[in-house]
PDB file of all heavy atoms in Angstrom:
ATOM      1  N   ARG A   1       0.775  -1.255  -0.054  1.00  0.00           N
ATOM      2  CA  ARG A   1       0.002  -0.005  -0.007  1.00  0.00           C
ATOM      3  C   ARG A   1       0.833   1.265  -0.013  1.00  0.00           C
ATOM      4  O   ARG A   1       0.302   2.369   0.243  1.00  0.00           O
ATOM      5  CB  ARG A   1      -1.037  -0.001   1.198  1.00  0.00           C
ATOM      6  CG  ARG A   1      -2.043  -1.118   1.108  1.00  0.00           C
ATOM      7  CD  ARG A   1      -3.071  -0.928   2.184  1.00  0.00           C
ATOM      8  NE  ARG A   1      -3.741  -2.203   2.287  1.00  0.00           N
ATOM      9  CZ  ARG A   1      -3.705  -2.964   3.338  1.00  0.00           C
ATOM     10  NH1 ARG A   1      -2.891  -2.625   4.360  1.00  0.00           N
ATOM     11  NH2 ARG A   1      -4.212  -4.113   3.368  1.00  0.00           N
ATOM     12  N   THR A   2       2.173   1.131  -0.254  1.00  0.00           N
ATOM     13  CA  THR A   2       3.026   2.312  -0.347  1.00  0.00           C
ATOM     14  C   THR A   2       2.760   2.965  -1.776  1.00  0.00           C
ATOM     15  O   THR A   2       2.737   2.316  -2.776  1.00  0.00           O
ATOM     16  CB  THR A   2       4.519   2.047  -0.301  1.00  0.00           C
ATOM     17  OG1 THR A   2       4.666   1.419   1.118  1.00  0.00           O
ATOM     18  CG2 THR A   2       5.332   3.196  -0.407  1.00  0.00           C
ATOM     19  N   ARG A   3       2.514   4.217  -1.724  1.00  0.00           N
ATOM     20  CA  ARG A   3       2.243   4.995  -3.044  1.00  0.00           C
ATOM     21  C   ARG A   3       3.286   6.136  -3.100  1.00  0.00           C
ATOM     22  O   ARG A   3       3.261   7.087  -2.494  1.00  0.00           O
ATOM     23  CB  ARG A   3       0.768   5.561  -2.985  1.00  0.00           C
ATOM     24  CG  ARG A   3       0.621   6.514  -4.112  1.00  0.00           C
ATOM     25  CD  ARG A   3      -0.559   6.185  -4.968  1.00  0.00           C
ATOM     26  NE  ARG A   3      -0.748   7.195  -6.031  1.00  0.00           N
ATOM     27  CZ  ARG A   3      -0.954   6.845  -7.229  1.00  0.00           C
ATOM     28  NH1 ARG A   3      -0.969   5.519  -7.603  1.00  0.00           N
ATOM     29  NH2 ARG A   3      -1.036   7.763  -8.226  1.00  0.00           N
ATOM     30  N   VAL A   4       4.249   5.881  -4.024  1.00  0.00           N
ATOM     31  CA  VAL A   4       5.301   6.799  -4.333  1.00  0.00           C
ATOM     32  C   VAL A   4       5.340   6.952  -5.847  1.00  0.00           C
ATOM     33  O   VAL A   4       5.704   5.998  -6.532  1.00  0.00           O
ATOM     34  CB  VAL A   4       6.661   6.476  -3.793  1.00  0.00           C
ATOM     35  CG1 VAL A   4       7.743   7.473  -4.207  1.00  0.00           C
ATOM     36  CG2 VAL A   4       6.545   6.342  -2.266  1.00  0.00           C
ATOM     37  N   ASP A   5       4.934   8.039  -6.450  1.00  0.00           N
ATOM     38  CA  ASP A   5       4.976   8.247  -7.909  1.00  0.00           C
ATOM     39  C   ASP A   5       6.455   8.505  -8.427  1.00  0.00           C
ATOM     40  O   ASP A   5       6.794   7.992  -9.430  1.00  0.00           O
ATOM     41  CB  ASP A   5       4.041   9.405  -8.282  1.00  0.00           C
ATOM     42  CG  ASP A   5       2.551   9.052  -8.098  1.00  0.00           C
ATOM     43  OD1 ASP A   5       2.192   7.914  -8.166  1.00  0.00           O
ATOM     44  OD2 ASP A   5       1.836  10.022  -7.660  1.00  0.00           O
ATOM     45  N   PHE A   6       7.116   9.406  -7.727  1.00  0.00           N
ATOM     46  CA  PHE A   6       8.464   9.731  -8.203  1.00  0.00           C
ATOM     47  C   PHE A   6       9.531   9.233  -7.249  1.00  0.00           C
ATOM     48  O   PHE A   6      10.080   8.203  -7.507  1.00  0.00           O
ATOM     49  CB  PHE A   6       8.657  11.223  -8.345  1.00  0.00           C
ATOM     50  CG  PHE A   6       9.889  11.631  -9.001  1.00  0.00           C
ATOM     51  CD1 PHE A   6      10.075  11.445 -10.354  1.00  0.00           C
ATOM     52  CD2 PHE A   6      10.888  12.269  -8.233  1.00  0.00           C
ATOM     53  CE1 PHE A   6      11.240  11.827 -10.875  1.00  0.00           C
ATOM     54  CE2 PHE A   6      12.125  12.580  -8.858  1.00  0.00           C
ATOM     55  CZ  PHE A   6      12.229  12.437 -10.152  1.00  0.00           C
ATOM     56  N   ALA A   7       9.837   9.905  -6.149  1.00  0.00           N
ATOM     57  CA  ALA A   7      10.880   9.391  -5.239  1.00  0.00           C
ATOM     58  C   ALA A   7      10.708   9.998  -3.893  1.00  0.00           C
ATOM     59  O   ALA A   7      10.290  11.183  -3.774  1.00  0.00           O
ATOM     60  CB  ALA A   7      12.282   9.645  -5.718  1.00  0.00           C
ATOM     61  N   GLN A   8      10.912   9.309  -2.842  1.00  0.00           N
ATOM     62  CA  GLN A   8      10.958   9.797  -1.434  1.00  0.00           C
ATOM     63  C   GLN A   8      12.131   9.154  -0.708  1.00  0.00           C
ATOM     64  O   GLN A   8      12.605   8.099  -0.901  1.00  0.00           O
ATOM     65  CB  GLN A   8       9.665   9.371  -0.692  1.00  0.00           C
ATOM     66  CG  GLN A   8       8.382   9.912  -1.160  1.00  0.00           C
ATOM     67  CD  GLN A   8       7.143   9.453  -0.553  1.00  0.00           C
ATOM     68  OE1 GLN A   8       7.209   8.468   0.293  1.00  0.00           O
ATOM     69  NE2 GLN A   8       6.063  10.177  -0.677  1.00  0.00           N
ATOM     70  N   VAL A   9      12.576  10.003   0.275  1.00  0.00           N
ATOM     71  CA  VAL A   9      13.626   9.562   1.207  1.00  0.00           C
ATOM     72  C   VAL A   9      12.981   9.554   2.570  1.00  0.00           C
ATOM     73  O   VAL A   9      12.399  10.587   3.022  1.00  0.00           O
ATOM     74  CB  VAL A   9      14.743  10.605   1.210  1.00  0.00           C
ATOM     75  CG1 VAL A   9      15.909  10.024   2.136  1.00  0.00           C
ATOM     76  CG2 VAL A   9      15.423  10.660  -0.193  1.00  0.00           C
ATOM     77  N   TRP A  10      12.849   8.322   3.261  1.00  0.00           N
ATOM     78  CA  TRP A  10      12.241   8.239   4.435  1.00  0.00           C
ATOM     79  C   TRP A  10      13.262   8.253   5.616  1.00  0.00           C
ATOM     80  O   TRP A  10      14.295   7.505   5.573  1.00  0.00           O
ATOM     81  CB  TRP A  10      11.501   6.903   4.575  1.00  0.00           C
ATOM     82  CG  TRP A  10      10.394   6.768   3.607  1.00  0.00           C
ATOM     83  CD1 TRP A  10       9.908   7.672   2.747  1.00  0.00           C
ATOM     84  CD2 TRP A  10       9.670   5.544   3.315  1.00  0.00           C
ATOM     85  NE1 TRP A  10       8.850   7.110   2.018  1.00  0.00           N
ATOM     86  CE2 TRP A  10       8.693   5.775   2.371  1.00  0.00           C
ATOM     87  CE3 TRP A  10       9.739   4.247   3.924  1.00  0.00           C
ATOM     88  CZ2 TRP A  10       7.832   4.849   1.902  1.00  0.00           C
ATOM     89  CZ3 TRP A  10       8.869   3.261   3.394  1.00  0.00           C
ATOM     90  CH2 TRP A  10       7.915   3.575   2.449  1.00  0.00           C
ATOM     91  N   VAL A  11      13.115   9.150   6.477  1.00  0.00           N
ATOM     92  CA  VAL A  11      13.987   9.355   7.677  1.00  0.00           C
ATOM     93  C   VAL A  11      13.252   9.708   8.871  1.00  0.00           C
ATOM     94  O   VAL A  11      12.054  10.019   8.834  1.00  0.00           O
ATOM     95  CB  VAL A  11      15.055  10.456   7.374  1.00  0.00           C
ATOM     96  CG1 VAL A  11      16.043  10.103   6.338  1.00  0.00           C
ATOM     97  CG2 VAL A  11      14.313  11.816   7.049  1.00  0.00           C
ATOM     98  N   GLU A  12      13.887   9.683  10.058  1.00  0.00           N
ATOM     99  CA  GLU A  12      13.298  10.100  11.278  1.00  0.00           C
ATOM    100  C   GLU A  12      13.280  11.685  11.430  1.00  0.00           C
ATOM    101  O   GLU A  12      12.381  12.256  11.890  1.00  0.00           O
ATOM    102  CB  GLU A  12      14.033   9.548  12.435  1.00  0.00           C
ATOM    103  CG  GLU A  12      13.842   8.059  12.569  1.00  0.00           C
ATOM    104  CD  GLU A  12      14.610   7.472  13.732  1.00  0.00           C
ATOM    105  OE1 GLU A  12      15.310   8.197  14.494  1.00  0.00           O
ATOM    106  OE2 GLU A  12      14.564   6.229  13.977  1.00  0.00           O
ATOM    107  N   ASP A  13      14.337  12.354  10.888  1.00  0.00           N
ATOM    108  CA  ASP A  13      14.479  13.773  10.918  1.00  0.00           C
ATOM    109  C   ASP A  13      14.567  14.313   9.511  1.00  0.00           C
ATOM    110  O   ASP A  13      15.546  13.997   8.791  1.00  0.00           O
ATOM    111  CB  ASP A  13      15.844  14.164  11.716  1.00  0.00           C
ATOM    112  CG  ASP A  13      16.117  15.623  11.613  1.00  0.00           C
ATOM    113  OD1 ASP A  13      15.276  16.442  11.196  1.00  0.00           O
ATOM    114  OD2 ASP A  13      17.245  15.962  12.111  1.00  0.00           O
ATOM    115  N   THR A  14      13.548  15.013   9.099  1.00  0.00           N
ATOM    116  CA  THR A  14      13.517  15.517   7.662  1.00  0.00           C
ATOM    117  C   THR A  14      14.556  16.578   7.414  1.00  0.00           C
ATOM    118  O   THR A  14      14.666  16.937   6.208  1.00  0.00           O
ATOM    119  CB  THR A  14      12.079  16.087   7.349  1.00  0.00           C
ATOM    120  OG1 THR A  14      11.753  17.218   8.262  1.00  0.00           O
ATOM    121  CG2 THR A  14      11.038  15.066   7.491  1.00  0.00           C
ATOM    122  N   GLN A  15      15.257  17.054   8.262  1.00  0.00           N
ATOM    123  CA  GLN A  15      16.376  18.046   8.059  1.00  0.00           C
ATOM    124  C   GLN A  15      17.716  17.317   8.215  1.00  0.00           C
ATOM    125  O   GLN A  15      18.780  18.017   8.159  1.00  0.00           O
ATOM    126  CB  GLN A  15      16.316  19.156   9.114  1.00  0.00           C
ATOM    127  CG  GLN A  15      15.030  20.058   8.980  1.00  0.00           C
ATOM    128  CD  GLN A  15      14.864  20.621   7.611  1.00  0.00           C
ATOM    129  OE1 GLN A  15      15.747  21.265   7.086  1.00  0.00           O
ATOM    130  NE2 GLN A  15      13.736  20.364   7.020  1.00  0.00           N
ATOM    131  N   ASP A  16      17.722  16.030   8.135  1.00  0.00           N
ATOM    132  CA  ASP A  16      18.986  15.268   8.161  1.00  0.00           C
ATOM    133  C   ASP A  16      19.777  15.599   6.987  1.00  0.00           C
ATOM    134  O   ASP A  16      19.349  15.476   5.809  1.00  0.00           O
ATOM    135  CB  ASP A  16      18.662  13.714   8.144  1.00  0.00           C
ATOM    136  CG  ASP A  16      19.854  12.891   8.079  1.00  0.00           C
ATOM    137  OD1 ASP A  16      20.452  12.734   6.958  1.00  0.00           O
ATOM    138  OD2 ASP A  16      20.193  12.297   9.129  1.00  0.00           O
ATOM    139  N   PRO A  17      21.016  16.072   7.115  1.00  0.00           N
ATOM    140  CA  PRO A  17      21.873  16.528   6.026  1.00  0.00           C
ATOM    141  C   PRO A  17      22.140  15.377   4.990  1.00  0.00           C
ATOM    142  O   PRO A  17      22.071  15.717   3.779  1.00  0.00           O
ATOM    143  CB  PRO A  17      23.174  16.920   6.666  1.00  0.00           C
ATOM    144  CG  PRO A  17      22.844  17.297   8.101  1.00  0.00           C
ATOM    145  CD  PRO A  17      21.737  16.316   8.433  1.00  0.00           C
ATOM    146  N   GLY A  18      22.262  14.223   5.494  1.00  0.00           N
ATOM    147  CA  GLY A  18      22.507  13.049   4.492  1.00  0.00           C
ATOM    148  C   GLY A  18      21.264  12.824   3.607  1.00  0.00           C
ATOM    149  O   GLY A  18      21.402  12.641   2.470  1.00  0.00           O
ATOM    150  N   ALA A  19      20.068  12.927   4.198  1.00  0.00           N
ATOM    151  CA  ALA A  19      18.851  12.755   3.418  1.00  0.00           C
ATOM    152  C   ALA A  19      18.704  13.837   2.405  1.00  0.00           C
ATOM    153  O   ALA A  19      18.241  13.705   1.240  1.00  0.00           O
ATOM    154  CB  ALA A  19      17.685  12.735   4.426  1.00  0.00           C
ATOM    155  N   LEU A  20      19.075  15.044   2.813  1.00  0.00           N
ATOM    156  CA  LEU A  20      18.945  16.223   1.909  1.00  0.00           C
ATOM    157  C   LEU A  20      19.918  16.126   0.682  1.00  0.00           C
ATOM    158  O   LEU A  20      19.604  16.487  -0.397  1.00  0.00           O
ATOM    159  CB  LEU A  20      19.086  17.571   2.644  1.00  0.00           C
ATOM    160  CG  LEU A  20      18.023  17.817   3.713  1.00  0.00           C
ATOM    161  CD1 LEU A  20      18.483  19.076   4.510  1.00  0.00           C
ATOM    162  CD2 LEU A  20      16.745  17.909   3.126  1.00  0.00           C
ATOM    163  N   MET A  21      21.128  15.529   1.040  1.00  0.00           N
ATOM    164  CA  MET A  21      22.062  15.316  -0.046  1.00  0.00           C
ATOM    165  C   MET A  21      21.542  14.246  -1.084  1.00  0.00           C
ATOM    166  O   MET A  21      21.541  14.357  -2.246  1.00  0.00           O
ATOM    167  CB  MET A  21      23.434  14.848   0.494  1.00  0.00           C
ATOM    168  CG  MET A  21      24.455  14.518  -0.703  1.00  0.00           C
ATOM    169  SD  MET A  21      26.163  14.402  -0.141  1.00  0.00           S
ATOM    170  CE  MET A  21      26.621  16.048  -0.222  1.00  0.00           C
ATOM    171  N   VAL A  22      20.998  13.088  -0.483  1.00  0.00           N
ATOM    172  CA  VAL A  22      20.467  12.022  -1.386  1.00  0.00           C
ATOM    173  C   VAL A  22      19.324  12.662  -2.191  1.00  0.00           C
ATOM    174  O   VAL A  22      19.147  12.402  -3.400  1.00  0.00           O
ATOM    175  CB  VAL A  22      19.974  10.900  -0.550  1.00  0.00           C
ATOM    176  CG1 VAL A  22      19.233   9.901  -1.365  1.00  0.00           C
ATOM    177  CG2 VAL A  22      21.222  10.147   0.090  1.00  0.00           C
ATOM    178  N   GLN A  23      18.437  13.439  -1.572  1.00  0.00           N
ATOM    179  CA  GLN A  23      17.356  14.018  -2.287  1.00  0.00           C
ATOM    180  C   GLN A  23      17.824  14.848  -3.417  1.00  0.00           C
ATOM    181  O   GLN A  23      17.155  14.800  -4.479  1.00  0.00           O
ATOM    182  CB  GLN A  23      16.550  15.012  -1.287  1.00  0.00           C
ATOM    183  CG  GLN A  23      15.403  15.771  -2.085  1.00  0.00           C
ATOM    184  CD  GLN A  23      14.866  16.823  -1.113  1.00  0.00           C
ATOM    185  OE1 GLN A  23      15.610  17.390  -0.317  1.00  0.00           O
ATOM    186  NE2 GLN A  23      13.596  17.156  -1.342  1.00  0.00           N
ATOM    187  N   SER A  24      18.912  15.584  -3.287  1.00  0.00           N
ATOM    188  CA  SER A  24      19.490  16.432  -4.373  1.00  0.00           C
ATOM    189  C   SER A  24      19.867  15.520  -5.570  1.00  0.00           C
ATOM    190  O   SER A  24      19.738  16.016  -6.774  1.00  0.00           O
ATOM    191  CB  SER A  24      20.648  17.211  -3.899  1.00  0.00           C
ATOM    192  OG  SER A  24      21.810  16.466  -3.800  1.00  0.00           O
ATOM    193  N   TRP A  25      20.243  14.362  -5.374  1.00  0.00           N
ATOM    194  CA  TRP A  25      20.530  13.410  -6.485  1.00  0.00           C
ATOM    195  C   TRP A  25      19.358  12.846  -7.141  1.00  0.00           C
ATOM    196  O   TRP A  25      19.486  12.322  -8.268  1.00  0.00           O
ATOM    197  CB  TRP A  25      21.522  12.422  -6.006  1.00  0.00           C
ATOM    198  CG  TRP A  25      22.948  12.844  -5.812  1.00  0.00           C
ATOM    199  CD1 TRP A  25      23.524  13.380  -4.662  1.00  0.00           C
ATOM    200  CD2 TRP A  25      23.955  12.965  -6.817  1.00  0.00           C
ATOM    201  NE1 TRP A  25      24.798  13.844  -4.883  1.00  0.00           N
ATOM    202  CE2 TRP A  25      25.022  13.581  -6.208  1.00  0.00           C
ATOM    203  CE3 TRP A  25      24.007  12.749  -8.092  1.00  0.00           C
ATOM    204  CZ2 TRP A  25      26.261  13.917  -6.911  1.00  0.00           C
ATOM    205  CZ3 TRP A  25      25.145  13.021  -8.875  1.00  0.00           C
ATOM    206  CH2 TRP A  25      26.259  13.625  -8.137  1.00  0.00           C
ATOM    207  N   LEU A  26      18.219  12.705  -6.414  1.00  0.00           N
ATOM    208  CA  LEU A  26      16.979  12.151  -6.980  1.00  0.00           C
ATOM    209  C   LEU A  26      16.226  13.146  -7.796  1.00  0.00           C
ATOM    210  O   LEU A  26      15.513  12.712  -8.596  1.00  0.00           O
ATOM    211  CB  LEU A  26      16.218  11.637  -5.783  1.00  0.00           C
ATOM    212  CG  LEU A  26      16.814  10.472  -4.993  1.00  0.00           C
ATOM    213  CD1 LEU A  26      15.921  10.158  -3.784  1.00  0.00           C
ATOM    214  CD2 LEU A  26      17.094   9.201  -5.847  1.00  0.00           C
ATOM    215  N   GLY A  27      16.381  14.393  -7.600  1.00  0.00           N
ATOM    216  CA  GLY A  27      15.816  15.489  -8.386  1.00  0.00           C
ATOM    217  C   GLY A  27      14.809  16.247  -7.631  1.00  0.00           C
ATOM    218  O   GLY A  27      14.406  15.977  -6.464  1.00  0.00           O
ATOM    219  N   GLN A  28      14.338  17.424  -8.219  1.00  0.00           N
ATOM    220  CA  GLN A  28      13.464  18.358  -7.571  1.00  0.00           C
ATOM    221  C   GLN A  28      12.097  17.824  -7.062  1.00  0.00           C
ATOM    222  O   GLN A  28      11.627  18.310  -6.216  1.00  0.00           O
ATOM    223  CB  GLN A  28      13.140  19.555  -8.505  1.00  0.00           C
ATOM    224  CG  GLN A  28      14.499  20.348  -8.774  1.00  0.00           C
ATOM    225  CD  GLN A  28      14.198  21.529  -9.739  1.00  0.00           C
ATOM    226  OE1 GLN A  28      13.130  21.732 -10.274  1.00  0.00           O
ATOM    227  NE2 GLN A  28      15.075  22.433  -9.807  1.00  0.00           N
ATOM    228  N   ARG A  29      11.590  16.741  -7.726  1.00  0.00           N
ATOM    229  CA  ARG A  29      10.404  16.140  -7.359  1.00  0.00           C
ATOM    230  C   ARG A  29      10.447  15.233  -6.139  1.00  0.00           C
ATOM    231  O   ARG A  29       9.464  14.840  -5.605  1.00  0.00           O
ATOM    232  CB  ARG A  29       9.718  15.478  -8.561  1.00  0.00           C
ATOM    233  CG  ARG A  29       9.243  16.479  -9.585  1.00  0.00           C
ATOM    234  CD  ARG A  29       8.627  15.701 -10.831  1.00  0.00           C
ATOM    235  NE  ARG A  29       7.678  14.739 -10.481  1.00  0.00           N
ATOM    236  CZ  ARG A  29       7.269  13.695 -11.154  1.00  0.00           C
ATOM    237  NH1 ARG A  29       7.864  13.544 -12.360  1.00  0.00           N
ATOM    238  NH2 ARG A  29       6.338  12.896 -10.806  1.00  0.00           N
ATOM    239  N   ALA A  30      11.691  14.865  -5.743  1.00  0.00           N
ATOM    240  CA  ALA A  30      11.832  13.947  -4.671  1.00  0.00           C
ATOM    241  C   ALA A  30      11.530  14.596  -3.362  1.00  0.00           C
ATOM    242  O   ALA A  30      11.765  15.816  -3.169  1.00  0.00           O
ATOM    243  CB  ALA A  30      13.251  13.446  -4.600  1.00  0.00           C
ATOM    244  N   GLU A  31      10.950  13.912  -2.462  1.00  0.00           N
ATOM    245  CA  GLU A  31      10.512  14.429  -1.129  1.00  0.00           C
ATOM    246  C   GLU A  31      11.361  13.764  -0.002  1.00  0.00           C
ATOM    247  O   GLU A  31      11.674  12.584  -0.095  1.00  0.00           O
ATOM    248  CB  GLU A  31       9.078  14.102  -0.854  1.00  0.00           C
ATOM    249  CG  GLU A  31       8.154  14.668  -1.840  1.00  0.00           C
ATOM    250  CD  GLU A  31       6.784  14.199  -1.622  1.00  0.00           C
ATOM    251  OE1 GLU A  31       6.463  13.043  -1.850  1.00  0.00           O
ATOM    252  OE2 GLU A  31       5.933  14.969  -1.119  1.00  0.00           O
ATOM    253  N   VAL A  32      11.698  14.431   1.030  1.00  0.00           N
ATOM    254  CA  VAL A  32      12.216  13.892   2.289  1.00  0.00           C
ATOM    255  C   VAL A  32      11.071  13.929   3.309  1.00  0.00           C
ATOM    256  O   VAL A  32      10.505  14.982   3.576  1.00  0.00           O
ATOM    257  CB  VAL A  32      13.388  14.736   2.771  1.00  0.00           C
ATOM    258  CG1 VAL A  32      13.885  14.156   4.124  1.00  0.00           C
ATOM    259  CG2 VAL A  32      14.543  14.661   1.741  1.00  0.00           C
ATOM    260  N   ILE A  33      10.657  12.831   3.731  1.00  0.00           N
ATOM    261  CA  ILE A  33       9.550  12.714   4.649  1.00  0.00           C
ATOM    262  C   ILE A  33       9.881  11.795   5.860  1.00  0.00           C
ATOM    263  O   ILE A  33      10.759  10.967   5.789  1.00  0.00           O
ATOM    264  CB  ILE A  33       8.237  12.175   3.922  1.00  0.00           C
ATOM    265  CG1 ILE A  33       8.422  10.758   3.541  1.00  0.00           C
ATOM    266  CG2 ILE A  33       7.863  13.087   2.863  1.00  0.00           C
ATOM    267  CD1 ILE A  33       7.128  10.060   3.095  1.00  0.00           C
ATOM    268  N   GLU A  34       9.110  11.980   6.971  1.00  0.00           N
ATOM    269  CA  GLU A  34       9.250  11.062   8.097  1.00  0.00           C
ATOM    270  C   GLU A  34       8.550   9.763   7.632  1.00  0.00           C
ATOM    271  O   GLU A  34       7.374   9.778   7.246  1.00  0.00           O
ATOM    272  CB  GLU A  34       8.517  11.603   9.235  1.00  0.00           C
ATOM    273  CG  GLU A  34       9.222  12.747   9.945  1.00  0.00           C
ATOM    274  CD  GLU A  34       8.559  13.178  11.197  1.00  0.00           C
ATOM    275  OE1 GLU A  34       7.852  12.340  11.911  1.00  0.00           O
ATOM    276  OE2 GLU A  34       8.623  14.423  11.601  1.00  0.00           O
ATOM    277  N   GLY A  35       9.285   8.714   7.659  1.00  0.00           N
ATOM    278  CA  GLY A  35       8.804   7.505   7.099  1.00  0.00           C
ATOM    279  C   GLY A  35       9.197   6.302   8.013  1.00  0.00           C
ATOM    280  O   GLY A  35      10.000   6.470   8.901  1.00  0.00           O
ATOM    281  N   PRO A  36       8.651   5.169   7.806  1.00  0.00           N
ATOM    282  CA  PRO A  36       8.873   4.024   8.630  1.00  0.00           C
ATOM    283  C   PRO A  36      10.420   3.621   8.537  1.00  0.00           C
ATOM    284  O   PRO A  36      11.067   3.700   7.501  1.00  0.00           O
ATOM    285  CB  PRO A  36       8.123   2.904   8.113  1.00  0.00           C
ATOM    286  CG  PRO A  36       7.711   3.265   6.709  1.00  0.00           C
ATOM    287  CD  PRO A  36       7.758   4.851   6.641  1.00  0.00           C
ATOM    288  N   LYS A  37      11.056   3.181   9.688  1.00  0.00           N
ATOM    289  CA  LYS A  37      12.393   2.755   9.671  1.00  0.00           C
ATOM    290  C   LYS A  37      12.410   1.345   9.223  1.00  0.00           C
ATOM    291  O   LYS A  37      11.928   0.461  10.004  1.00  0.00           O
ATOM    292  CB  LYS A  37      13.011   2.975  11.072  1.00  0.00           C
ATOM    293  CG  LYS A  37      14.488   2.736  11.134  1.00  0.00           C
ATOM    294  CD  LYS A  37      15.026   3.394  12.449  1.00  0.00           C
ATOM    295  CE  LYS A  37      16.531   3.240  12.497  1.00  0.00           C
ATOM    296  NZ  LYS A  37      17.216   4.045  11.588  1.00  0.00           N
ATOM    297  N   LEU A  38      12.917   1.132   8.090  1.00  0.00           N
ATOM    298  CA  LEU A  38      12.994  -0.348   7.503  1.00  0.00           C
ATOM    299  C   LEU A  38      14.441  -0.887   7.595  1.00  0.00           C
ATOM    300  O   LEU A  38      14.520  -2.012   7.311  1.00  0.00           O
ATOM    301  CB  LEU A  38      12.557  -0.315   6.050  1.00  0.00           C
ATOM    302  CG  LEU A  38      11.215   0.271   5.729  1.00  0.00           C
ATOM    303  CD1 LEU A  38      10.874   0.305   4.318  1.00  0.00           C
ATOM    304  CD2 LEU A  38      10.139  -0.503   6.523  1.00  0.00           C
ATOM    305  N   GLY A  39      15.321  -0.172   8.171  1.00  0.00           N
ATOM    306  CA  GLY A  39      16.655  -0.666   8.319  1.00  0.00           C
ATOM    307  C   GLY A  39      17.563   0.455   8.818  1.00  0.00           C
ATOM    308  O   GLY A  39      17.088   1.476   9.289  1.00  0.00           O
ATOM    309  N   ALA A  40      18.899   0.248   8.784  1.00  0.00           N
ATOM    310  CA  ALA A  40      19.797   1.271   9.297  1.00  0.00           C
ATOM    311  C   ALA A  40      19.792   2.450   8.343  1.00  0.00           C
ATOM    312  O   ALA A  40      19.654   2.282   7.147  1.00  0.00           O
ATOM    313  CB  ALA A  40      21.188   0.724   9.416  1.00  0.00           C
ATOM    314  N   GLY A  41      20.006   3.638   8.954  1.00  0.00           N
ATOM    315  CA  GLY A  41      20.010   4.800   8.059  1.00  0.00           C
ATOM    316  C   GLY A  41      18.731   5.308   7.426  1.00  0.00           C
ATOM    317  O   GLY A  41      17.664   5.313   8.156  1.00  0.00           O
ATOM    318  N   MET A  42      18.687   5.593   6.182  1.00  0.00           N
ATOM    319  CA  MET A  42      17.537   6.108   5.582  1.00  0.00           C
ATOM    320  C   MET A  42      17.020   5.069   4.549  1.00  0.00           C
ATOM    321  O   MET A  42      17.645   4.168   4.169  1.00  0.00           O
ATOM    322  CB  MET A  42      17.736   7.456   4.872  1.00  0.00           C
ATOM    323  CG  MET A  42      18.728   7.369   3.729  1.00  0.00           C
ATOM    324  SD  MET A  42      19.281   8.948   3.035  1.00  0.00           S
ATOM    325  CE  MET A  42      20.455   9.421   4.335  1.00  0.00           C
ATOM    326  N   THR A  43      15.778   5.327   4.163  1.00  0.00           N
ATOM    327  CA  THR A  43      15.133   4.445   3.086  1.00  0.00           C
ATOM    328  C   THR A  43      14.859   5.339   1.909  1.00  0.00           C
ATOM    329  O   THR A  43      14.246   6.419   1.982  1.00  0.00           O
ATOM    330  CB  THR A  43      13.814   3.829   3.580  1.00  0.00           C
ATOM    331  OG1 THR A  43      14.112   2.974   4.730  1.00  0.00           O
ATOM    332  CG2 THR A  43      13.139   2.907   2.536  1.00  0.00           C
ATOM    333  N   VAL A  44      15.219   4.841   0.713  1.00  0.00           N
ATOM    334  CA  VAL A  44      15.005   5.572  -0.488  1.00  0.00           C
ATOM    335  C   VAL A  44      13.937   4.706  -1.301  1.00  0.00           C
ATOM    336  O   VAL A  44      14.196   3.520  -1.605  1.00  0.00           O
ATOM    337  CB  VAL A  44      16.263   5.793  -1.364  1.00  0.00           C
ATOM    338  CG1 VAL A  44      15.933   6.443  -2.745  1.00  0.00           C
ATOM    339  CG2 VAL A  44      17.273   6.598  -0.596  1.00  0.00           C
TER     340      VAL A  44
END
């Protein structure tokens, strides 16, 4: 039931610098959101 049309980075802290860097590589439509923790670090 996950619905992602383009790309999302799931993290605990939406201001996480690493997540913002990954977002920049995914493109302007990518979102950084609070999402479920599925493993270590962030989920793309």
